[in-house]
Amino acid sequence: MDAREERSDRSNVLRQEWPYLSVEGSAYELGYQHGAQASHLIDKYLLWIDRMTGKSRDELCRNAMAFLPLMERLSPQYVEEVRGLAEGAGISFEEAVLCQARGEAAKVGDEACTAFAMTGKATKDGATLAGQNQDLAPDYADFALLLHVKPTDGRPQALQFTFAGQLGYSGMNEHGVAHFANALYDCPWKMGLPH
């Protein structure tokens, strides 16, 4: 593929329309609905993770499960959403955890992403602007989706750009609070919440 074909291939990714999923309910119900609505994409995503990392599914799941105790301690609701995702998608709980900790489980760095926020004199009308680019391989577009999360437990609604099976990536909640996911690789992986 020459440079012109590669640019054309990338511009097709930019014009791609992603599926829109809307989920509502308890943490478990949010995950279940996500899994049920995107099960075919989640299956493809897991196969892609296997292929791209060159590691066995068992090894990847084992590595991902090392994050579970901290996930349970810091965010039991998150773990309930992962349980719902597994049941809705018809995959194992370990595979659902892998979807959350793909990079960490593979122990490889992703492409770099960049986030920004500007306000005041940096913008035309003083309003705050925030955003992020996703410097990811074009293959990721095959699993990307827009996820509208409507919790019924008092947490705010959010609209997110994420990947099938990943409960969150980048987005903004109904109060205007934005979240971005930048992976920084200046040190080895450490235990924490997966990005």
C-alpha atoms as a PDB file:
ATOM      1  CA  MET A   1       0.000   0.000   0.000  1.00  0.00           C
ATOM      2  CA  ASP A   2       1.494   3.348  -0.971  1.00  0.00           C
ATOM      3  CA  ALA A   3       1.102   6.559   1.068  1.00  0.00           C
ATOM      4  CA  ARG A   4      -1.843   7.806  -1.024  1.00  0.00           C
ATOM      5  CA  GLU A   5      -3.788   4.538  -0.519  1.00  0.00           C
ATOM      6  CA  GLU A   6      -2.993   4.599   3.200  1.00  0.00           C
ATOM      7  CA  ARG A   7      -4.350   8.179   3.526  1.00  0.00           C
ATOM      8  CA  SER A   8      -7.478   7.155   1.619  1.00  0.00           C
ATOM      9  CA  ASP A   9      -7.922   4.149   3.914  1.00  0.00           C
ATOM     10  CA  ARG A  10      -7.622   6.413   6.979  1.00  0.00           C
ATOM     11  CA  SER A  11     -10.122   8.925   5.595  1.00  0.00           C
ATOM     12  CA  ASN A  12     -12.665   6.118   5.165  1.00  0.00           C
ATOM     13  CA  VAL A  13     -12.315   5.399   8.886  1.00  0.00           C
ATOM     14  CA  LEU A  14     -13.068   9.058   9.605  1.00  0.00           C
ATOM     15  CA  ARG A  15     -16.323   8.836   7.628  1.00  0.00           C
ATOM     16  CA  GLN A  16     -17.432   5.616   9.277  1.00  0.00           C
ATOM     17  CA  GLU A  17     -20.700   5.687  11.187  1.00  0.00           C
ATOM     18  CA  TRP A  18     -20.536   3.814  14.475  1.00  0.00           C
ATOM     19  CA  PRO A  19     -23.374   1.935  16.123  1.00  0.00           C
ATOM     20  CA  TYR A  20     -25.290   3.826  18.811  1.00  0.00           C
ATOM     21  CA  LEU A  21     -26.257   1.877  21.926  1.00  0.00           C
ATOM     22  CA  SER A  22     -28.514   3.245  24.632  1.00  0.00           C
ATOM     23  CA  VAL A  23     -28.597   1.398  27.963  1.00  0.00           C
ATOM     24  CA  GLU A  24     -30.582   2.176  31.107  1.00  0.00           C
ATOM     25  CA  GLY A  25     -30.907   0.653  34.566  1.00  0.00           C
ATOM     26  CA  SER A  26     -28.798  -0.649  37.437  1.00  0.00           C
ATOM     27  CA  ALA A  27     -25.089  -1.284  36.961  1.00  0.00           C
ATOM     28  CA  TYR A  28     -25.797  -4.944  36.130  1.00  0.00           C
ATOM     29  CA  GLU A  29     -28.583  -3.982  33.684  1.00  0.00           C
ATOM     30  CA  LEU A  30     -26.345  -1.432  31.933  1.00  0.00           C
ATOM     31  CA  GLY A  31     -23.738  -4.113  31.321  1.00  0.00           C
ATOM     32  CA  TYR A  32     -26.294  -6.733  30.311  1.00  0.00           C
ATOM     33  CA  GLN A  33     -27.902  -4.442  27.721  1.00  0.00           C
ATOM     34  CA  HIS A  34     -24.495  -3.409  26.341  1.00  0.00           C
ATOM     35  CA  GLY A  35     -23.496  -7.072  26.033  1.00  0.00           C
ATOM     36  CA  ALA A  36     -26.774  -8.142  24.430  1.00  0.00           C
ATOM     37  CA  GLN A  37     -26.832  -5.268  21.922  1.00  0.00           C
ATOM     38  CA  ALA A  38     -23.171  -5.612  20.907  1.00  0.00           C
ATOM     39  CA  SER A  39     -22.533  -9.353  21.361  1.00  0.00           C
ATOM     40  CA  HIS A  40     -21.476  -9.924  17.743  1.00  0.00           C
ATOM     41  CA  LEU A  41     -18.972  -7.041  17.938  1.00  0.00           C
ATOM     42  CA  ILE A  42     -17.689  -8.204  21.331  1.00  0.00           C
ATOM     43  CA  ASP A  43     -16.971 -11.673  19.904  1.00  0.00           C
ATOM     44  CA  LYS A  44     -15.029 -10.075  17.032  1.00  0.00           C
ATOM     45  CA  TYR A  45     -13.207  -7.756  19.453  1.00  0.00           C
ATOM     46  CA  LEU A  46     -12.030 -10.685  21.591  1.00  0.00           C
ATOM     47  CA  LEU A  47     -10.787 -12.574  18.511  1.00  0.00           C
ATOM     48  CA  TRP A  48      -9.001  -9.424  17.353  1.00  0.00           C
ATOM     49  CA  ILE A  49      -7.321  -9.042  20.783  1.00  0.00           C
ATOM     50  CA  ASP A  50      -6.071 -12.644  20.507  1.00  0.00           C
ATOM     51  CA  ARG A  51      -4.724 -12.056  17.008  1.00  0.00           C
ATOM     52  CA  MET A  52      -3.122  -8.672  17.691  1.00  0.00           C
ATOM     53  CA  THR A  53      -1.383  -9.698  20.907  1.00  0.00           C
ATOM     54  CA  GLY A  54      -0.294 -13.156  19.752  1.00  0.00           C
ATOM     55  CA  LYS A  55      -1.146 -14.428  23.239  1.00  0.00           C
ATOM     56  CA  SER A  56      -3.560 -17.165  24.184  1.00  0.00           C
ATOM     57  CA  ARG A  57      -6.998 -16.222  25.474  1.00  0.00           C
ATOM     58  CA  ASP A  58      -6.204 -18.101  28.706  1.00  0.00           C
ATOM     59  CA  GLU A  59      -3.057 -16.043  29.314  1.00  0.00           C
ATOM     60  CA  LEU A  60      -4.827 -12.780  28.505  1.00  0.00           C
ATOM     61  CA  CYS A  61      -7.740 -13.608  30.828  1.00  0.00           C
ATOM     62  CA  ARG A  62      -5.355 -14.632  33.613  1.00  0.00           C
ATOM     63  CA  ASN A  63      -3.487 -11.328  33.265  1.00  0.00           C
ATOM     64  CA  ALA A  64      -6.743  -9.350  33.199  1.00  0.00           C
ATOM     65  CA  MET A  65      -8.119 -11.113  36.280  1.00  0.00           C
ATOM     66  CA  ALA A  66      -5.128  -9.873  38.295  1.00  0.00           C
ATOM     67  CA  PHE A  67      -6.887  -6.477  38.213  1.00  0.00           C
ATOM     68  CA  LEU A  68     -10.159  -7.809  39.650  1.00  0.00           C
ATOM     69  CA  PRO A  69      -9.427  -7.464  43.400  1.00  0.00           C
ATOM     70  CA  LEU A  70      -8.639  -3.770  43.007  1.00  0.00           C
ATOM     71  CA  MET A  71     -11.629  -3.258  40.702  1.00  0.00           C
ATOM     72  CA  GLU A  72     -13.883  -4.881  43.338  1.00  0.00           C
ATOM     73  CA  ARG A  73     -12.449  -2.747  46.121  1.00  0.00           C
ATOM     74  CA  LEU A  74     -12.548   0.590  44.284  1.00  0.00           C
ATOM     75  CA  SER A  75     -15.739   0.188  42.254  1.00  0.00           C
ATOM     76  CA  PRO A  76     -18.117  -2.678  43.037  1.00  0.00           C
ATOM     77  CA  GLN A  77     -20.666  -1.107  40.639  1.00  0.00           C
ATOM     78  CA  TYR A  78     -18.124  -1.379  37.835  1.00  0.00           C
ATOM     79  CA  VAL A  79     -17.658  -5.083  38.552  1.00  0.00           C
ATOM     80  CA  GLU A  80     -21.448  -5.594  38.560  1.00  0.00           C
ATOM     81  CA  GLU A  81     -21.597  -3.907  35.160  1.00  0.00           C
ATOM     82  CA  VAL A  82     -18.855  -6.264  33.928  1.00  0.00           C
ATOM     83  CA  ARG A  83     -20.896  -9.245  35.236  1.00  0.00           C
ATOM     84  CA  GLY A  84     -23.926  -7.998  33.339  1.00  0.00           C
ATOM     85  CA  LEU A  85     -21.823  -7.510  30.211  1.00  0.00           C
ATOM     86  CA  ALA A  86     -20.620 -11.123  30.362  1.00  0.00           C
ATOM     87  CA  GLU A  87     -24.120 -12.525  30.719  1.00  0.00           C
ATOM     88  CA  GLY A  88     -25.632 -10.241  28.080  1.00  0.00           C
ATOM     89  CA  ALA A  89     -22.914 -11.045  25.540  1.00  0.00           C
ATOM     90  CA  GLY A  90     -22.784 -14.758  26.371  1.00  0.00           C
ATOM     91  CA  ILE A  91     -19.073 -14.665  27.216  1.00  0.00           C
ATOM     92  CA  SER A  92     -17.208 -15.685  30.349  1.00  0.00           C
ATOM     93  CA  PHE A  93     -16.732 -13.210  33.193  1.00  0.00           C
ATOM     94  CA  GLU A  94     -12.965 -13.492  32.606  1.00  0.00           C
ATOM     95  CA  GLU A  95     -13.420 -12.463  28.953  1.00  0.00           C
ATOM     96  CA  ALA A  96     -15.556  -9.508  30.038  1.00  0.00           C
ATOM     97  CA  VAL A  97     -12.771  -8.409  32.413  1.00  0.00           C
ATOM     98  CA  LEU A  98     -10.313  -8.804  29.514  1.00  0.00           C
ATOM     99  CA  CYS A  99     -12.403  -6.349  27.472  1.00  0.00           C
ATOM    100  CA  GLN A 100     -11.800  -3.780  30.243  1.00  0.00           C
ATOM    101  CA  ALA A 101      -8.061  -4.460  30.599  1.00  0.00           C
ATOM    102  CA  ARG A 102      -6.986  -5.311  27.049  1.00  0.00           C
ATOM    103  CA  GLY A 103      -3.767  -3.281  27.007  1.00  0.00           C
ATOM    104  CA  GLU A 104      -2.848  -4.146  30.570  1.00  0.00           C
ATOM    105  CA  ALA A 105      -3.509  -7.875  30.045  1.00  0.00           C
ATOM    106  CA  ALA A 106      -1.466  -7.926  26.845  1.00  0.00           C
ATOM    107  CA  LYS A 107       1.289  -5.912  28.565  1.00  0.00           C
ATOM    108  CA  VAL A 108       1.792  -3.872  25.425  1.00  0.00           C
ATOM    109  CA  GLY A 109       1.372  -0.173  24.806  1.00  0.00           C
ATOM    110  CA  ASP A 110      -1.276   1.168  22.472  1.00  0.00           C
ATOM    111  CA  GLU A 111      -0.760   3.976  20.067  1.00  0.00           C
ATOM    112  CA  ALA A 112      -0.553   7.392  21.685  1.00  0.00           C
ATOM    113  CA  CYS A 113      -3.644   9.580  22.122  1.00  0.00           C
ATOM    114  CA  THR A 114      -3.891  13.275  22.866  1.00  0.00           C
ATOM    115  CA  ALA A 115      -6.483  15.087  24.974  1.00  0.00           C
ATOM    116  CA  PHE A 116      -7.002  18.827  25.253  1.00  0.00           C
ATOM    117  CA  ALA A 117      -9.094  21.374  27.113  1.00  0.00           C
ATOM    118  CA  MET A 118      -9.269  25.125  26.526  1.00  0.00           C
ATOM    119  CA  THR A 119     -11.237  27.904  28.143  1.00  0.00           C
ATOM    120  CA  GLY A 120     -11.268  31.666  28.641  1.00  0.00           C
ATOM    121  CA  LYS A 121      -9.112  33.620  26.205  1.00  0.00           C
ATOM    122  CA  ALA A 122      -8.096  30.428  24.417  1.00  0.00           C
ATOM    123  CA  THR A 123     -11.571  30.121  22.872  1.00  0.00           C
ATOM    124  CA  LYS A 124     -13.595  32.538  20.769  1.00  0.00           C
ATOM    125  CA  ASP A 125     -16.381  33.086  23.313  1.00  0.00           C
ATOM    126  CA  GLY A 126     -14.668  31.987  26.530  1.00  0.00           C
ATOM    127  CA  ALA A 127     -16.577  28.704  26.629  1.00  0.00           C
ATOM    128  CA  THR A 128     -14.726  25.548  27.549  1.00  0.00           C
ATOM    129  CA  LEU A 129     -13.809  23.159  24.745  1.00  0.00           C
ATOM    130  CA  ALA A 130     -12.437  19.680  25.352  1.00  0.00           C
ATOM    131  CA  GLY A 131     -11.680  16.751  23.112  1.00  0.00           C
ATOM    132  CA  GLN A 132      -9.440  13.857  22.304  1.00  0.00           C
ATOM    133  CA  ASN A 133      -8.076  12.135  19.262  1.00  0.00           C
ATOM    134  CA  GLN A 134      -7.720   8.363  19.177  1.00  0.00           C
ATOM    135  CA  ASP A 135      -4.339   7.492  17.683  1.00  0.00           C
ATOM    136  CA  LEU A 136      -5.280   3.865  17.290  1.00  0.00           C
ATOM    137  CA  ALA A 137      -4.845   1.361  14.496  1.00  0.00           C
ATOM    138  CA  PRO A 138      -7.640   1.607  11.891  1.00  0.00           C
ATOM    139  CA  ASP A 139      -8.850  -1.884  12.936  1.00  0.00           C
ATOM    140  CA  TYR A 140     -10.241  -0.385  16.141  1.00  0.00           C
ATOM    141  CA  ALA A 141     -12.943   1.349  14.087  1.00  0.00           C
ATOM    142  CA  ASP A 142     -14.496  -2.078  13.478  1.00  0.00           C
ATOM    143  CA  PHE A 143     -15.381  -2.315  17.191  1.00  0.00           C
ATOM    144  CA  ALA A 144     -16.079   1.342  17.998  1.00  0.00           C
ATOM    145  CA  LEU A 145     -19.486   2.544  19.125  1.00  0.00           C
ATOM    146  CA  LEU A 146     -21.278   5.392  20.821  1.00  0.00           C
ATOM    147  CA  LEU A 147     -22.663   4.321  24.183  1.00  0.00           C
ATOM    148  CA  HIS A 148     -25.354   6.364  25.952  1.00  0.00           C
ATOM    149  CA  VAL A 149     -25.417   5.219  29.576  1.00  0.00           C
ATOM    150  CA  LYS A 150     -28.456   6.105  31.714  1.00  0.00           C
ATOM    151  CA  PRO A 151     -27.941   4.770  35.255  1.00  0.00           C
ATOM    152  CA  THR A 152     -31.009   4.638  37.503  1.00  0.00           C
ATOM    153  CA  ASP A 153     -28.990   4.683  40.737  1.00  0.00           C
ATOM    154  CA  GLY A 154     -28.300   8.416  40.875  1.00  0.00           C
ATOM    155  CA  ARG A 155     -25.114   8.468  38.802  1.00  0.00           C
ATOM    156  CA  PRO A 156     -25.205  10.926  35.878  1.00  0.00           C
ATOM    157  CA  GLN A 157     -25.982   9.936  32.311  1.00  0.00           C
ATOM    158  CA  ALA A 158     -23.012   9.900  29.943  1.00  0.00           C
ATOM    159  CA  LEU A 159     -22.368   9.682  26.229  1.00  0.00           C
ATOM    160  CA  GLN A 160     -19.164   7.816  25.449  1.00  0.00           C
ATOM    161  CA  PHE A 161     -17.029   6.807  22.510  1.00  0.00           C
ATOM    162  CA  THR A 162     -15.840   3.312  23.352  1.00  0.00           C
ATOM    163  CA  PHE A 163     -15.349  -0.167  21.962  1.00  0.00           C
ATOM    164  CA  ALA A 164     -17.757  -3.097  22.075  1.00  0.00           C
ATOM    165  CA  GLY A 165     -17.321  -4.739  25.457  1.00  0.00           C
ATOM    166  CA  GLN A 166     -15.443  -1.828  27.018  1.00  0.00           C
ATOM    167  CA  LEU A 167     -17.683  -0.118  29.551  1.00  0.00           C
ATOM    168  CA  GLY A 168     -16.132   3.269  28.980  1.00  0.00           C
ATOM    169  CA  TYR A 169     -13.365   5.061  27.169  1.00  0.00           C
ATOM    170  CA  SER A 170     -13.852   8.736  26.354  1.00  0.00           C
ATOM    171  CA  GLY A 171     -16.963  10.793  26.870  1.00  0.00           C
ATOM    172  CA  MET A 172     -18.914  13.390  28.787  1.00  0.00           C
ATOM    173  CA  ASN A 173     -21.608  13.184  31.425  1.00  0.00           C
ATOM    174  CA  GLU A 174     -24.794  15.236  31.639  1.00  0.00           C
ATOM    175  CA  HIS A 175     -23.057  17.767  33.916  1.00  0.00           C
ATOM    176  CA  GLY A 176     -20.399  18.536  31.297  1.00  0.00           C
ATOM    177  CA  VAL A 177     -17.622  16.585  33.010  1.00  0.00           C
ATOM    178  CA  ALA A 178     -15.437  15.011  30.312  1.00  0.00           C
ATOM    179  CA  HIS A 179     -13.285  11.900  30.647  1.00  0.00           C
ATOM    180  CA  PHE A 180     -10.472  10.949  28.301  1.00  0.00           C
ATOM    181  CA  ALA A 181      -8.211   7.913  28.188  1.00  0.00           C
ATOM    182  CA  ASN A 182      -4.562   8.599  27.463  1.00  0.00           C
ATOM    183  CA  ALA A 183      -2.162   5.730  27.998  1.00  0.00           C
ATOM    184  CA  LEU A 184       1.288   6.740  29.241  1.00  0.00           C
ATOM    185  CA  TYR A 185       4.097   4.235  28.808  1.00  0.00           C
ATOM    186  CA  ASP A 186       7.076   5.720  30.604  1.00  0.00           C
ATOM    187  CA  CYS A 187       7.020   2.966  33.244  1.00  0.00           C
ATOM    188  CA  PRO A 188       6.030  -0.714  33.450  1.00  0.00           C
ATOM    189  CA  TRP A 189       2.382  -1.704  34.003  1.00  0.00           C
ATOM    190  CA  LYS A 190       1.222  -1.441  37.602  1.00  0.00           C
ATOM    191  CA  MET A 191      -1.949  -2.617  39.284  1.00  0.00           C
ATOM    192  CA  GLY A 192      -4.799  -0.125  39.145  1.00  0.00           C
ATOM    193  CA  LEU A 193      -8.121   0.378  37.449  1.00  0.00           C
ATOM    194  CA  PRO A 194      -7.722  -0.510  33.764  1.00  0.00           C
ATOM    195  CA  HIS A 195      -7.863   2.450  31.395  1.00  0.00           C
END
